[in-house]
PDB file of N, CA and C in Angstrom:
ATOM      1  N   UNK A   1     117.166 112.013 143.421  1.00  0.00           N
ATOM      2  CA  UNK A   1     116.512 110.902 142.776  1.00  0.00           C
ATOM      3  C   UNK A   1     115.620 111.430 141.650  1.00  0.00           C
ATOM      4  N   UNK A   2     115.620 110.739 140.555  1.00  0.00           N
ATOM      5  CA  UNK A   2     114.758 111.105 139.436  1.00  0.00           C
ATOM      6  C   UNK A   2     113.357 110.535 139.647  1.00  0.00           C
ATOM      7  N   UNK A   3     112.363 111.261 139.174  1.00  0.00           N
ATOM      8  CA  UNK A   3     110.989 110.783 139.287  1.00  0.00           C
ATOM      9  C   UNK A   3     110.822 109.443 138.579  1.00  0.00           C
ATOM     10  N   UNK A   4     111.523 109.258 137.465  1.00  0.00           N
ATOM     11  CA  UNK A   4     111.392 108.007 136.722  1.00  0.00           C
ATOM     12  C   UNK A   4     111.963 106.821 137.496  1.00  0.00           C
ATOM     13  N   UNK A   5     112.832 107.081 138.474  1.00  0.00           N
ATOM     14  CA  UNK A   5     113.316 105.995 139.334  1.00  0.00           C
ATOM     15  C   UNK A   5     112.203 105.478 140.231  1.00  0.00           C
ATOM     16  N   UNK A   6     111.209 106.323 140.482  1.00  0.00           N
ATOM     17  CA  UNK A   6     110.102 105.960 141.366  1.00  0.00           C
ATOM     18  C   UNK A   6     108.886 105.470 140.580  1.00  0.00           C
ATOM     19  N   UNK A   7     108.516 106.204 139.524  1.00  0.00           N
ATOM     20  CA  UNK A   7     107.276 105.882 138.809  1.00  0.00           C
ATOM     21  C   UNK A   7     107.486 105.127 137.506  1.00  0.00           C
ATOM     22  N   UNK A   8     108.724 105.006 137.070  1.00  0.00           N
ATOM     23  CA  UNK A   8     108.997 104.312 135.811  1.00  0.00           C
ATOM     24  C   UNK A   8     109.001 105.283 134.646  1.00  0.00           C
ATOM     25  N   UNK A   9     108.874 104.775 133.423  1.00  0.00           N
ATOM     26  CA  UNK A   9     108.927 105.630 132.232  1.00  0.00           C
ATOM     27  C   UNK A   9     107.876 106.732 132.316  1.00  0.00           C
ATOM     28  N   UNK A  10     108.231 107.908 131.834  1.00  0.00           N
ATOM     29  CA  UNK A  10     107.317 109.045 131.882  1.00  0.00           C
ATOM     30  C   UNK A  10     107.540 109.901 130.644  1.00  0.00           C
ATOM     31  N   UNK A  11     106.475 110.161 129.918  1.00  0.00           N
ATOM     32  CA  UNK A  11     106.565 110.999 128.722  1.00  0.00           C
ATOM     33  C   UNK A  11     106.400 112.444 129.143  1.00  0.00           C
ATOM     34  N   UNK A  12     107.509 113.182 129.214  1.00  0.00           N
ATOM     35  CA  UNK A  12     107.454 114.554 129.700  1.00  0.00           C
ATOM     36  C   UNK A  12     107.226 115.582 128.614  1.00  0.00           C
ATOM     37  N   UNK A  13     107.874 115.454 127.491  1.00  0.00           N
ATOM     38  CA  UNK A  13     107.768 116.434 126.414  1.00  0.00           C
ATOM     39  C   UNK A  13     106.861 115.904 125.317  1.00  0.00           C
ATOM     40  N   UNK A  14     105.885 116.704 124.950  1.00  0.00           N
ATOM     41  CA  UNK A  14     104.991 116.326 123.860  1.00  0.00           C
ATOM     42  C   UNK A  14     104.606 117.550 123.045  1.00  0.00           C
ATOM     43  N   UNK A  15     104.171 117.313 121.848  1.00  0.00           N
ATOM     44  CA  UNK A  15     103.511 118.324 121.026  1.00  0.00           C
ATOM     45  C   UNK A  15     102.166 117.707 120.660  1.00  0.00           C
ATOM     46  N   UNK A  16     101.116 118.490 120.716  1.00  0.00           N
ATOM     47  CA  UNK A  16      99.790 117.932 120.506  1.00  0.00           C
ATOM     48  C   UNK A  16      98.951 118.821 119.604  1.00  0.00           C
ATOM     49  N   UNK A  17      98.001 118.203 118.946  1.00  0.00           N
ATOM     50  CA  UNK A  17      97.049 118.921 118.111  1.00  0.00           C
ATOM     51  C   UNK A  17      95.768 118.091 118.018  1.00  0.00           C
ATOM     52  N   UNK A  18      94.757 118.678 117.498  1.00  0.00           N
ATOM     53  CA  UNK A  18      93.502 117.933 117.258  1.00  0.00           C
ATOM     54  C   UNK A  18      93.685 117.094 115.990  1.00  0.00           C
ATOM     55  N   UNK A  19      93.077 115.933 115.992  1.00  0.00           N
ATOM     56  CA  UNK A  19      93.167 115.053 114.818  1.00  0.00           C
ATOM     57  C   UNK A  19      92.610 115.745 113.572  1.00  0.00           C
ATOM     58  N   UNK A  20      91.540 116.518 113.736  1.00  0.00           N
ATOM     59  CA  UNK A  20      90.943 117.200 112.578  1.00  0.00           C
ATOM     60  C   UNK A  20      91.925 118.183 111.958  1.00  0.00           C
ATOM     61  N   UNK A  21      92.692 118.908 112.788  1.00  0.00           N
ATOM     62  CA  UNK A  21      93.686 119.832 112.266  1.00  0.00           C
ATOM     63  C   UNK A  21      94.814 119.046 111.614  1.00  0.00           C
ATOM     64  N   UNK A  22      95.248 117.987 112.279  1.00  0.00           N
ATOM     65  CA  UNK A  22      96.346 117.169 111.758  1.00  0.00           C
ATOM     66  C   UNK A  22      96.012 116.606 110.383  1.00  0.00           C
ATOM     67  N   UNK A  23      94.781 116.171 110.200  1.00  0.00           N
ATOM     68  CA  UNK A  23      94.385 115.581 108.920  1.00  0.00           C
ATOM     69  C   UNK A  23      94.542 116.556 107.765  1.00  0.00           C
ATOM     70  N   UNK A  24      94.405 117.846 108.036  1.00  0.00           N
ATOM     71  CA  UNK A  24      94.507 118.861 106.983  1.00  0.00           C
ATOM     72  C   UNK A  24      95.872 119.541 106.914  1.00  0.00           C
ATOM     73  N   UNK A  25      96.779 119.153 107.811  1.00  0.00           N
ATOM     74  CA  UNK A  25      98.067 119.838 107.889  1.00  0.00           C
ATOM     75  C   UNK A  25      99.234 118.877 108.075  1.00  0.00           C
ATOM     76  N   UNK A  26      99.160 117.735 107.450  1.00  0.00           N
ATOM     77  CA  UNK A  26     100.199 116.717 107.606  1.00  0.00           C
ATOM     78  C   UNK A  26     101.578 117.256 107.248  1.00  0.00           C
ATOM     79  N   UNK A  27     101.675 118.069 106.207  1.00  0.00           N
ATOM     80  CA  UNK A  27     102.969 118.610 105.806  1.00  0.00           C
ATOM     81  C   UNK A  27     103.591 119.479 106.902  1.00  0.00           C
ATOM     82  N   UNK A  28     102.761 120.240 107.603  1.00  0.00           N
ATOM     83  CA  UNK A  28     103.258 121.076 108.698  1.00  0.00           C
ATOM     84  C   UNK A  28     103.723 120.221 109.875  1.00  0.00           C
ATOM     85  N   UNK A  29     102.996 119.169 110.150  1.00  0.00           N
ATOM     86  CA  UNK A  29     103.377 118.284 111.253  1.00  0.00           C
ATOM     87  C   UNK A  29     104.697 117.589 110.947  1.00  0.00           C
ATOM     88  N   UNK A  30     104.841 117.084 109.746  1.00  0.00           N
ATOM     89  CA  UNK A  30     106.077 116.408 109.348  1.00  0.00           C
ATOM     90  C   UNK A  30     107.250 117.388 109.405  1.00  0.00           C
ATOM     91  N   UNK A  31     107.040 118.613 108.950  1.00  0.00           N
ATOM     92  CA  UNK A  31     108.104 119.630 109.004  1.00  0.00           C
ATOM     93  C   UNK A  31     108.465 119.952 110.454  1.00  0.00           C
ATOM     94  N   UNK A  32     107.472 120.058 111.314  1.00  0.00           N
ATOM     95  CA  UNK A  32     107.729 120.325 112.737  1.00  0.00           C
ATOM     96  C   UNK A  32     108.558 119.200 113.352  1.00  0.00           C
ATOM     97  N   UNK A  33     108.170 117.971 113.087  1.00  0.00           N
ATOM     98  CA  UNK A  33     108.904 116.818 113.624  1.00  0.00           C
ATOM     99  C   UNK A  33     110.342 116.829 113.113  1.00  0.00           C
ATOM    100  N   UNK A  34     110.530 117.098 111.844  1.00  0.00           N
ATOM    101  CA  UNK A  34     111.876 117.156 111.268  1.00  0.00           C
ATOM    102  C   UNK A  34     112.703 118.238 111.961  1.00  0.00           C
ATOM    103  N   UNK A  35     112.124 119.412 112.142  1.00  0.00           N
ATOM    104  CA  UNK A  35     112.821 120.505 112.814  1.00  0.00           C
ATOM    105  C   UNK A  35     113.137 120.180 114.261  1.00  0.00           C
ATOM    106  N   UNK A  36     112.219 119.542 114.947  1.00  0.00           N
ATOM    107  CA  UNK A  36     112.444 119.170 116.340  1.00  0.00           C
ATOM    108  C   UNK A  36     113.587 118.166 116.445  1.00  0.00           C
ATOM    109  N   UNK A  37     113.583 117.182 115.553  1.00  0.00           N
ATOM    110  CA  UNK A  37     114.668 116.191 115.548  1.00  0.00           C
ATOM    111  C   UNK A  37     116.023 116.853 115.283  1.00  0.00           C
ATOM    112  N   UNK A  38     116.050 117.791 114.349  1.00  0.00           N
ATOM    113  CA  UNK A  38     117.299 118.493 114.057  1.00  0.00           C
ATOM    114  C   UNK A  38     117.750 119.321 115.259  1.00  0.00           C
ATOM    115  N   UNK A  39     116.821 119.936 115.959  1.00  0.00           N
ATOM    116  CA  UNK A  39     117.159 120.733 117.143  1.00  0.00           C
ATOM    117  C   UNK A  39     117.720 119.858 118.256  1.00  0.00           C
ATOM    118  N   UNK A  40     117.117 118.710 118.487  1.00  0.00           N
ATOM    119  CA  UNK A  40     117.620 117.804 119.526  1.00  0.00           C
ATOM    120  C   UNK A  40     119.001 117.286 119.132  1.00  0.00           C
ATOM    121  N   UNK A  41     119.191 116.949 117.866  1.00  0.00           N
ATOM    122  CA  UNK A  41     120.516 116.502 117.412  1.00  0.00           C
ATOM    123  C   UNK A  41     121.549 117.604 117.636  1.00  0.00           C
ATOM    124  N   UNK A  42     121.164 118.852 117.383  1.00  0.00           N
ATOM    125  CA  UNK A  42     122.062 119.990 117.603  1.00  0.00           C
ATOM    126  C   UNK A  42     122.448 120.083 119.079  1.00  0.00           C
ATOM    127  N   UNK A  43     121.469 119.905 119.960  1.00  0.00           N
ATOM    128  CA  UNK A  43     121.747 119.970 121.405  1.00  0.00           C
ATOM    129  C   UNK A  43     122.782 118.944 121.837  1.00  0.00           C
ATOM    130  N   UNK A  44     122.759 117.773 121.233  1.00  0.00           N
ATOM    131  CA  UNK A  44     123.666 116.691 121.631  1.00  0.00           C
ATOM    132  C   UNK A  44     125.096 116.879 121.093  1.00  0.00           C
ATOM    133  N   UNK A  45     125.314 117.853 120.246  1.00  0.00           N
ATOM    134  CA  UNK A  45     126.664 118.102 119.728  1.00  0.00           C
ATOM    135  C   UNK A  45     127.438 118.916 120.770  1.00  0.00           C
ATOM    136  N   UNK A  46     128.528 118.358 121.304  1.00  0.00           N
ATOM    137  CA  UNK A  46     129.259 119.019 122.388  1.00  0.00           C
ATOM    138  C   UNK A  46     129.685 120.454 122.077  1.00  0.00           C
ATOM    139  N   UNK A  47     129.988 120.747 120.836  1.00  0.00           N
ATOM    140  CA  UNK A  47     130.426 122.097 120.493  1.00  0.00           C
ATOM    141  C   UNK A  47     129.314 123.141 120.636  1.00  0.00           C
ATOM    142  N   UNK A  48     128.066 122.697 120.822  1.00  0.00           N
ATOM    143  CA  UNK A  48     126.942 123.620 120.970  1.00  0.00           C
ATOM    144  C   UNK A  48     126.544 123.848 122.431  1.00  0.00           C
ATOM    145  N   UNK A  49     127.288 123.254 123.358  1.00  0.00           N
ATOM    146  CA  UNK A  49     126.932 123.311 124.776  1.00  0.00           C
ATOM    147  C   UNK A  49     126.747 124.746 125.273  1.00  0.00           C
ATOM    148  N   UNK A  50     127.721 125.602 125.071  1.00  0.00           N
ATOM    149  CA  UNK A  50     127.656 126.970 125.587  1.00  0.00           C
ATOM    150  C   UNK A  50     126.472 127.726 125.001  1.00  0.00           C
ATOM    151  N   UNK A  51     126.281 127.607 123.689  1.00  0.00           N
ATOM    152  CA  UNK A  51     125.149 128.303 123.062  1.00  0.00           C
ATOM    153  C   UNK A  51     123.817 127.753 123.556  1.00  0.00           C
ATOM    154  N   UNK A  52     123.736 126.436 123.757  1.00  0.00           N
ATOM    155  CA  UNK A  52     122.503 125.830 124.263  1.00  0.00           C
ATOM    156  C   UNK A  52     122.178 126.349 125.666  1.00  0.00           C
ATOM    157  N   UNK A  53     123.190 126.461 126.503  1.00  0.00           N
ATOM    158  CA  UNK A  53     122.978 126.980 127.861  1.00  0.00           C
ATOM    159  C   UNK A  53     122.563 128.449 127.796  1.00  0.00           C
ATOM    160  N   UNK A  54     123.176 129.206 126.904  1.00  0.00           N
ATOM    161  CA  UNK A  54     122.792 130.614 126.720  1.00  0.00           C
ATOM    162  C   UNK A  54     121.323 130.731 126.306  1.00  0.00           C
ATOM    163  N   UNK A  55     120.884 129.867 125.403  1.00  0.00           N
ATOM    164  CA  UNK A  55     119.488 129.872 124.943  1.00  0.00           C
ATOM    165  C   UNK A  55     118.558 129.527 126.098  1.00  0.00           C
ATOM    166  N   UNK A  56     118.926 128.524 126.888  1.00  0.00           N
ATOM    167  CA  UNK A  56     118.108 128.142 128.038  1.00  0.00           C
ATOM    168  C   UNK A  56     117.962 129.322 128.997  1.00  0.00           C
ATOM    169  N   UNK A  57     119.058 129.993 129.290  1.00  0.00           N
ATOM    170  CA  UNK A  57     119.016 131.146 130.201  1.00  0.00           C
ATOM    171  C   UNK A  57     118.201 132.300 129.626  1.00  0.00           C
ATOM    172  N   UNK A  58     118.278 132.499 128.328  1.00  0.00           N
ATOM    173  CA  UNK A  58     117.516 133.573 127.691  1.00  0.00           C
ATOM    174  C   UNK A  58     116.009 133.323 127.818  1.00  0.00           C
ATOM    175  N   UNK A  59     115.615 132.049 127.729  1.00  0.00           N
ATOM    176  CA  UNK A  59     114.191 131.724 127.800  1.00  0.00           C
ATOM    177  C   UNK A  59     113.702 131.450 129.219  1.00  0.00           C
ATOM    178  N   UNK A  60     114.631 131.251 130.129  1.00  0.00           N
ATOM    179  CA  UNK A  60     114.302 131.092 131.555  1.00  0.00           C
ATOM    180  C   UNK A  60     115.198 132.045 132.344  1.00  0.00           C
ATOM    181  N   UNK A  61     114.919 133.343 132.258  1.00  0.00           N
ATOM    182  CA  UNK A  61     115.818 134.323 132.851  1.00  0.00           C
ATOM    183  C   UNK A  61     115.964 134.198 134.367  1.00  0.00           C
ATOM    184  N   UNK A  62     115.025 133.553 135.024  1.00  0.00           N
ATOM    185  CA  UNK A  62     115.127 133.355 136.463  1.00  0.00           C
ATOM    186  C   UNK A  62     116.127 132.255 136.823  1.00  0.00           C
ATOM    187  N   UNK A  63     116.569 131.489 135.841  1.00  0.00           N
ATOM    188  CA  UNK A  63     117.516 130.397 136.094  1.00  0.00           C
ATOM    189  C   UNK A  63     118.950 130.927 136.056  1.00  0.00           C
ATOM    190  N   UNK A  64     119.683 130.787 137.150  1.00  0.00           N
ATOM    191  CA  UNK A  64     121.085 131.213 137.144  1.00  0.00           C
ATOM    192  C   UNK A  64     121.900 130.371 136.150  1.00  0.00           C
ATOM    193  N   UNK A  65     122.923 130.989 135.577  1.00  0.00           N
ATOM    194  CA  UNK A  65     123.730 130.326 134.564  1.00  0.00           C
ATOM    195  C   UNK A  65     124.340 129.023 135.072  1.00  0.00           C
ATOM    196  N   UNK A  66     124.798 129.004 136.326  1.00  0.00           N
ATOM    197  CA  UNK A  66     125.416 127.782 136.846  1.00  0.00           C
ATOM    198  C   UNK A  66     124.407 126.641 136.967  1.00  0.00           C
ATOM    199  N   UNK A  67     123.152 126.967 137.281  1.00  0.00           N
ATOM    200  CA  UNK A  67     122.104 125.935 137.352  1.00  0.00           C
ATOM    201  C   UNK A  67     121.781 125.440 135.940  1.00  0.00           C
ATOM    202  N   UNK A  68     121.730 126.341 134.989  1.00  0.00           N
ATOM    203  CA  UNK A  68     121.496 125.951 133.594  1.00  0.00           C
ATOM    204  C   UNK A  68     122.624 125.033 133.121  1.00  0.00           C
ATOM    205  N   UNK A  69     123.857 125.372 133.489  1.00  0.00           N
ATOM    206  CA  UNK A  69     124.995 124.531 133.115  1.00  0.00           C
ATOM    207  C   UNK A  69     124.911 123.152 133.744  1.00  0.00           C
ATOM    208  N   UNK A  70     124.448 123.082 134.985  1.00  0.00           N
ATOM    209  CA  UNK A  70     124.293 121.786 135.657  1.00  0.00           C
ATOM    210  C   UNK A  70     123.117 121.004 135.065  1.00  0.00           C
ATOM    211  N   UNK A  71     122.121 121.715 134.524  1.00  0.00           N
ATOM    212  CA  UNK A  71     120.958 121.054 133.922  1.00  0.00           C
ATOM    213  C   UNK A  71     121.285 120.431 132.574  1.00  0.00           C
ATOM    214  N   UNK A  72     122.227 121.018 131.876  1.00  0.00           N
ATOM    215  CA  UNK A  72     122.560 120.573 130.516  1.00  0.00           C
ATOM    216  C   UNK A  72     122.859 119.074 130.455  1.00  0.00           C
ATOM    217  N   UNK A  73     123.778 118.544 131.284  1.00  0.00           N
ATOM    218  CA  UNK A  73     124.047 117.106 131.180  1.00  0.00           C
ATOM    219  C   UNK A  73     122.861 116.236 131.605  1.00  0.00           C
ATOM    220  N   UNK A  74     122.000 116.771 132.461  1.00  0.00           N
ATOM    221  CA  UNK A  74     120.799 116.017 132.848  1.00  0.00           C
ATOM    222  C   UNK A  74     119.800 115.961 131.702  1.00  0.00           C
ATOM    223  N   UNK A  75     119.595 117.099 131.053  1.00  0.00           N
ATOM    224  CA  UNK A  75     118.648 117.150 129.940  1.00  0.00           C
ATOM    225  C   UNK A  75     119.098 116.287 128.768  1.00  0.00           C
ATOM    226  N   UNK A  76     120.417 116.090 128.654  1.00  0.00           N
ATOM    227  CA  UNK A  76     120.960 115.315 127.534  1.00  0.00           C
ATOM    228  C   UNK A  76     121.545 113.978 127.989  1.00  0.00           C
ATOM    229  N   UNK A  77     121.194 113.557 129.179  1.00  0.00           N
ATOM    230  CA  UNK A  77     121.673 112.275 129.702  1.00  0.00           C
ATOM    231  C   UNK A  77     121.272 111.159 128.728  1.00  0.00           C
ATOM    232  N   UNK A  78     122.202 110.252 128.411  1.00  0.00           N
ATOM    233  CA  UNK A  78     121.894 109.216 127.405  1.00  0.00           C
ATOM    234  C   UNK A  78     120.690 108.339 127.759  1.00  0.00           C
ATOM    235  N   UNK A  79     120.472 108.076 129.036  1.00  0.00           N
ATOM    236  CA  UNK A  79     119.360 107.200 129.424  1.00  0.00           C
ATOM    237  C   UNK A  79     118.131 107.967 129.895  1.00  0.00           C
ATOM    238  N   UNK A  80     118.309 109.198 130.390  1.00  0.00           N
ATOM    239  CA  UNK A  80     117.197 109.908 131.021  1.00  0.00           C
ATOM    240  C   UNK A  80     116.868 111.246 130.375  1.00  0.00           C
ATOM    241  N   UNK A  81     117.670 111.668 129.405  1.00  0.00           N
ATOM    242  CA  UNK A  81     117.470 112.983 128.797  1.00  0.00           C
ATOM    243  C   UNK A  81     116.495 112.946 127.635  1.00  0.00           C
ATOM    244  N   UNK A  82     116.553 114.008 126.816  1.00  0.00           N
ATOM    245  CA  UNK A  82     115.700 114.065 125.633  1.00  0.00           C
ATOM    246  C   UNK A  82     115.908 112.810 124.789  1.00  0.00           C
ATOM    247  N   UNK A  83     114.822 112.287 124.243  1.00  0.00           N
ATOM    248  CA  UNK A  83     114.926 111.122 123.366  1.00  0.00           C
ATOM    249  C   UNK A  83     115.565 111.569 122.064  1.00  0.00           C
ATOM    250  N   UNK A  84     116.701 110.994 121.743  1.00  0.00           N
ATOM    251  CA  UNK A  84     117.398 111.399 120.518  1.00  0.00           C
ATOM    252  C   UNK A  84     116.581 111.088 119.272  1.00  0.00           C
ATOM    253  N   UNK A  85     115.791 110.037 119.327  1.00  0.00           N
ATOM    254  CA  UNK A  85     114.969 109.679 118.170  1.00  0.00           C
ATOM    255  C   UNK A  85     113.735 110.567 118.057  1.00  0.00           C
ATOM    256  N   UNK A  86     113.409 111.267 119.138  1.00  0.00           N
ATOM    257  CA  UNK A  86     112.207 112.115 119.210  1.00  0.00           C
ATOM    258  C   UNK A  86     110.920 111.311 119.036  1.00  0.00           C
ATOM    259  N   UNK A  87     111.004 110.029 119.275  1.00  0.00           N
ATOM    260  CA  UNK A  87     109.810 109.193 119.220  1.00  0.00           C
ATOM    261  C   UNK A  87     109.112 109.223 120.569  1.00  0.00           C
ATOM    262  N   UNK A  88     107.810 109.132 120.545  1.00  0.00           N
ATOM    263  CA  UNK A  88     107.055 109.078 121.773  1.00  0.00           C
ATOM    264  C   UNK A  88     107.310 107.733 122.448  1.00  0.00           C
ATOM    265  N   UNK A  89     107.461 107.757 123.755  1.00  0.00           N
ATOM    266  CA  UNK A  89     107.657 106.543 124.534  1.00  0.00           C
ATOM    267  C   UNK A  89     106.283 106.057 124.990  1.00  0.00           C
ATOM    268  N   UNK A  90     105.803 104.983 124.362  1.00  0.00           N
ATOM    269  CA  UNK A  90     104.447 104.519 124.661  1.00  0.00           C
ATOM    270  C   UNK A  90     104.290 104.105 126.119  1.00  0.00           C
ATOM    271  N   UNK A  91     105.325 103.504 126.718  1.00  0.00           N
ATOM    272  CA  UNK A  91     105.257 103.154 128.137  1.00  0.00           C
ATOM    273  C   UNK A  91     105.183 104.428 128.980  1.00  0.00           C
ATOM    274  N   UNK A  92     105.919 105.464 128.570  1.00  0.00           N
ATOM    275  CA  UNK A  92     105.874 106.741 129.268  1.00  0.00           C
ATOM    276  C   UNK A  92     104.516 107.405 129.164  1.00  0.00           C
ATOM    277  N   UNK A  93     103.900 107.337 127.980  1.00  0.00           N
ATOM    278  CA  UNK A  93     102.560 107.890 127.790  1.00  0.00           C
ATOM    279  C   UNK A  93     101.551 107.114 128.631  1.00  0.00           C
ATOM    280  N   UNK A  94     101.682 105.814 128.666  1.00  0.00           N
ATOM    281  CA  UNK A  94     100.781 104.990 129.475  1.00  0.00           C
ATOM    282  C   UNK A  94     100.885 105.393 130.948  1.00  0.00           C
ATOM    283  N   UNK A  95     102.091 105.647 131.440  1.00  0.00           N
ATOM    284  CA  UNK A  95     102.294 106.081 132.817  1.00  0.00           C
ATOM    285  C   UNK A  95     101.596 107.414 133.072  1.00  0.00           C
ATOM    286  N   UNK A  96     101.749 108.371 132.149  1.00  0.00           N
ATOM    287  CA  UNK A  96     101.103 109.680 132.297  1.00  0.00           C
ATOM    288  C   UNK A  96      99.592 109.509 132.405  1.00  0.00           C
ATOM    289  N   UNK A  97      99.020 108.685 131.541  1.00  0.00           N
ATOM    290  CA  UNK A  97      97.573 108.479 131.553  1.00  0.00           C
ATOM    291  C   UNK A  97      97.118 107.791 132.840  1.00  0.00           C
ATOM    292  N   UNK A  98      97.889 106.809 133.318  1.00  0.00           N
ATOM    293  CA  UNK A  98      97.547 106.147 134.573  1.00  0.00           C
ATOM    294  C   UNK A  98      97.590 107.126 135.743  1.00  0.00           C
ATOM    295  N   UNK A  99      98.624 107.965 135.791  1.00  0.00           N
ATOM    296  CA  UNK A  99      98.718 108.960 136.865  1.00  0.00           C
ATOM    297  C   UNK A  99      97.562 109.952 136.782  1.00  0.00           C
ATOM    298  N   UNK A 100      97.239 110.372 135.569  1.00  0.00           N
ATOM    299  CA  UNK A 100      96.136 111.322 135.389  1.00  0.00           C
ATOM    300  C   UNK A 100      94.809 110.693 135.831  1.00  0.00           C
ATOM    301  N   UNK A 101      94.576 109.441 135.461  1.00  0.00           N
ATOM    302  CA  UNK A 101      93.352 108.757 135.889  1.00  0.00           C
ATOM    303  C   UNK A 101      93.294 108.612 137.410  1.00  0.00           C
ATOM    304  N   UNK A 102      94.451 108.376 138.024  1.00  0.00           N
ATOM    305  CA  UNK A 102      94.496 108.160 139.466  1.00  0.00           C
ATOM    306  C   UNK A 102      94.349 109.456 140.257  1.00  0.00           C
ATOM    307  N   UNK A 103      95.055 110.512 139.839  1.00  0.00           N
ATOM    308  CA  UNK A 103      95.124 111.721 140.653  1.00  0.00           C
ATOM    309  C   UNK A 103      94.268 112.888 140.154  1.00  0.00           C
ATOM    310  N   UNK A 104      93.753 112.794 138.961  1.00  0.00           N
ATOM    311  CA  UNK A 104      92.856 113.827 138.433  1.00  0.00           C
ATOM    312  C   UNK A 104      91.711 113.144 137.703  1.00  0.00           C
ATOM    313  N   UNK A 105      90.978 112.309 138.440  1.00  0.00           N
ATOM    314  CA  UNK A 105      89.939 111.519 137.774  1.00  0.00           C
ATOM    315  C   UNK A 105      88.821 112.388 137.205  1.00  0.00           C
ATOM    316  N   UNK A 106      88.263 111.902 136.120  1.00  0.00           N
ATOM    317  CA  UNK A 106      87.104 112.545 135.509  1.00  0.00           C
ATOM    318  C   UNK A 106      86.031 111.476 135.346  1.00  0.00           C
ATOM    319  N   UNK A 107      84.918 111.857 134.801  1.00  0.00           N
ATOM    320  CA  UNK A 107      83.809 110.919 134.642  1.00  0.00           C
ATOM    321  C   UNK A 107      84.180 109.747 133.740  1.00  0.00           C
ATOM    322  N   UNK A 108      85.054 110.004 132.770  1.00  0.00           N
ATOM    323  CA  UNK A 108      85.451 108.957 131.839  1.00  0.00           C
ATOM    324  C   UNK A 108      86.952 108.710 131.949  1.00  0.00           C
ATOM    325  N   UNK A 109      87.332 107.457 131.862  1.00  0.00           N
ATOM    326  CA  UNK A 109      88.751 107.111 131.844  1.00  0.00           C
ATOM    327  C   UNK A 109      89.378 107.658 130.568  1.00  0.00           C
ATOM    328  N   UNK A 110      90.638 107.999 130.651  1.00  0.00           N
ATOM    329  CA  UNK A 110      91.315 108.543 129.474  1.00  0.00           C
ATOM    330  C   UNK A 110      91.565 107.488 128.399  1.00  0.00           C
ATOM    331  N   UNK A 111      91.460 106.229 128.746  1.00  0.00           N
ATOM    332  CA  UNK A 111      91.596 105.180 127.754  1.00  0.00           C
ATOM    333  C   UNK A 111      93.030 104.817 127.444  1.00  0.00           C
ATOM    334  N   UNK A 112      93.227 103.950 126.445  1.00  0.00           N
ATOM    335  CA  UNK A 112      94.568 103.453 126.126  1.00  0.00           C
ATOM    336  C   UNK A 112      95.457 104.511 125.472  1.00  0.00           C
ATOM    337  N   UNK A 113      96.753 104.321 125.604  1.00  0.00           N
ATOM    338  CA  UNK A 113      97.739 105.272 125.072  1.00  0.00           C
ATOM    339  C   UNK A 113      97.589 105.462 123.563  1.00  0.00           C
ATOM    340  N   UNK A 114      97.254 104.406 122.837  1.00  0.00           N
ATOM    341  CA  UNK A 114      97.110 104.497 121.387  1.00  0.00           C
ATOM    342  C   UNK A 114      96.071 105.503 120.935  1.00  0.00           C
ATOM    343  N   UNK A 115      95.166 105.841 121.805  1.00  0.00           N
ATOM    344  CA  UNK A 115      94.133 106.826 121.491  1.00  0.00           C
ATOM    345  C   UNK A 115      94.716 108.238 121.336  1.00  0.00           C
ATOM    346  N   UNK A 116      95.890 108.465 121.900  1.00  0.00           N
ATOM    347  CA  UNK A 116      96.477 109.800 121.946  1.00  0.00           C
ATOM    348  C   UNK A 116      97.723 109.949 121.082  1.00  0.00           C
ATOM    349  N   UNK A 117      98.069 108.939 120.360  1.00  0.00           N
ATOM    350  CA  UNK A 117      99.312 108.979 119.595  1.00  0.00           C
ATOM    351  C   UNK A 117      99.097 108.367 118.226  1.00  0.00           C
ATOM    352  N   UNK A 118      99.456 109.121 117.208  1.00  0.00           N
ATOM    353  CA  UNK A 118      99.359 108.638 115.833  1.00  0.00           C
ATOM    354  C   UNK A 118     100.762 108.706 115.224  1.00  0.00           C
ATOM    355  N   UNK A 119     101.440 107.578 115.107  1.00  0.00           N
ATOM    356  CA  UNK A 119     102.826 107.581 114.643  1.00  0.00           C
ATOM    357  C   UNK A 119     103.015 107.819 113.149  1.00  0.00           C
ATOM    358  N   UNK A 120     101.935 107.951 112.398  1.00  0.00           N
ATOM    359  CA  UNK A 120     102.072 108.080 110.943  1.00  0.00           C
ATOM    360  C   UNK A 120     102.911 109.277 110.514  1.00  0.00           C
ATOM    361  N   UNK A 121     102.882 110.358 111.279  1.00  0.00           N
ATOM    362  CA  UNK A 121     103.614 111.565 110.892  1.00  0.00           C
ATOM    363  C   UNK A 121     105.116 111.388 111.103  1.00  0.00           C
ATOM    364  N   UNK A 122     105.496 110.676 112.153  1.00  0.00           N
ATOM    365  CA  UNK A 122     106.924 110.401 112.394  1.00  0.00           C
ATOM    366  C   UNK A 122     107.486 109.485 111.324  1.00  0.00           C
ATOM    367  N   UNK A 123     106.659 108.617 110.799  1.00  0.00           N
ATOM    368  CA  UNK A 123     107.116 107.652 109.780  1.00  0.00           C
ATOM    369  C   UNK A 123     107.378 108.326 108.440  1.00  0.00           C
ATOM    370  N   UNK A 124     106.859 109.523 108.237  1.00  0.00           N
ATOM    371  CA  UNK A 124     106.996 110.189 106.953  1.00  0.00           C
ATOM    372  C   UNK A 124     108.342 110.876 106.783  1.00  0.00           C
ATOM    373  N   UNK A 125     109.223 110.678 107.716  1.00  0.00           N
ATOM    374  CA  UNK A 125     110.559 111.309 107.663  1.00  0.00           C
ATOM    375  C   UNK A 125     111.444 110.601 106.682  1.00  0.00           C
TER     376      UNK A 125
END
C-alpha cells in the first residue's frame, strides 16, 4: 500500500532556499527548475530506462539492481510517480505541514502552505 492511499496527497520531493537568497538569484532558480524539468522528462523516456536505473544504483550503491529496476516504474507511475510538470502540489504541501504540526509540534504553527511556496520562478519558464 502506498502512503498516499492512507494520508492523501503528499509533497515528497522539494527544493528549498531562503527568500532573501531567491530574491538575488532568480536566474539561478529558473535555470535549476528548467534543468529539473528536463531531467524528469528524460526519466520518462522509455529508451532511458536502463541508464536511469544505472544512475540510481550508482548513487544508492546499497540498492540491488533488481530492486532499482522494480522501483523505476513506481517512481515514474503516471498517477503516483514524479510530477511530470515539476509543479509543487499544494494539497501535498498542506498535508506535509499538517503532519509536521501534528507529530513534531513547535511553539508556533507552521502556517498555511502559501507561506512556503512562491510559484513566480516556475512561471518564468
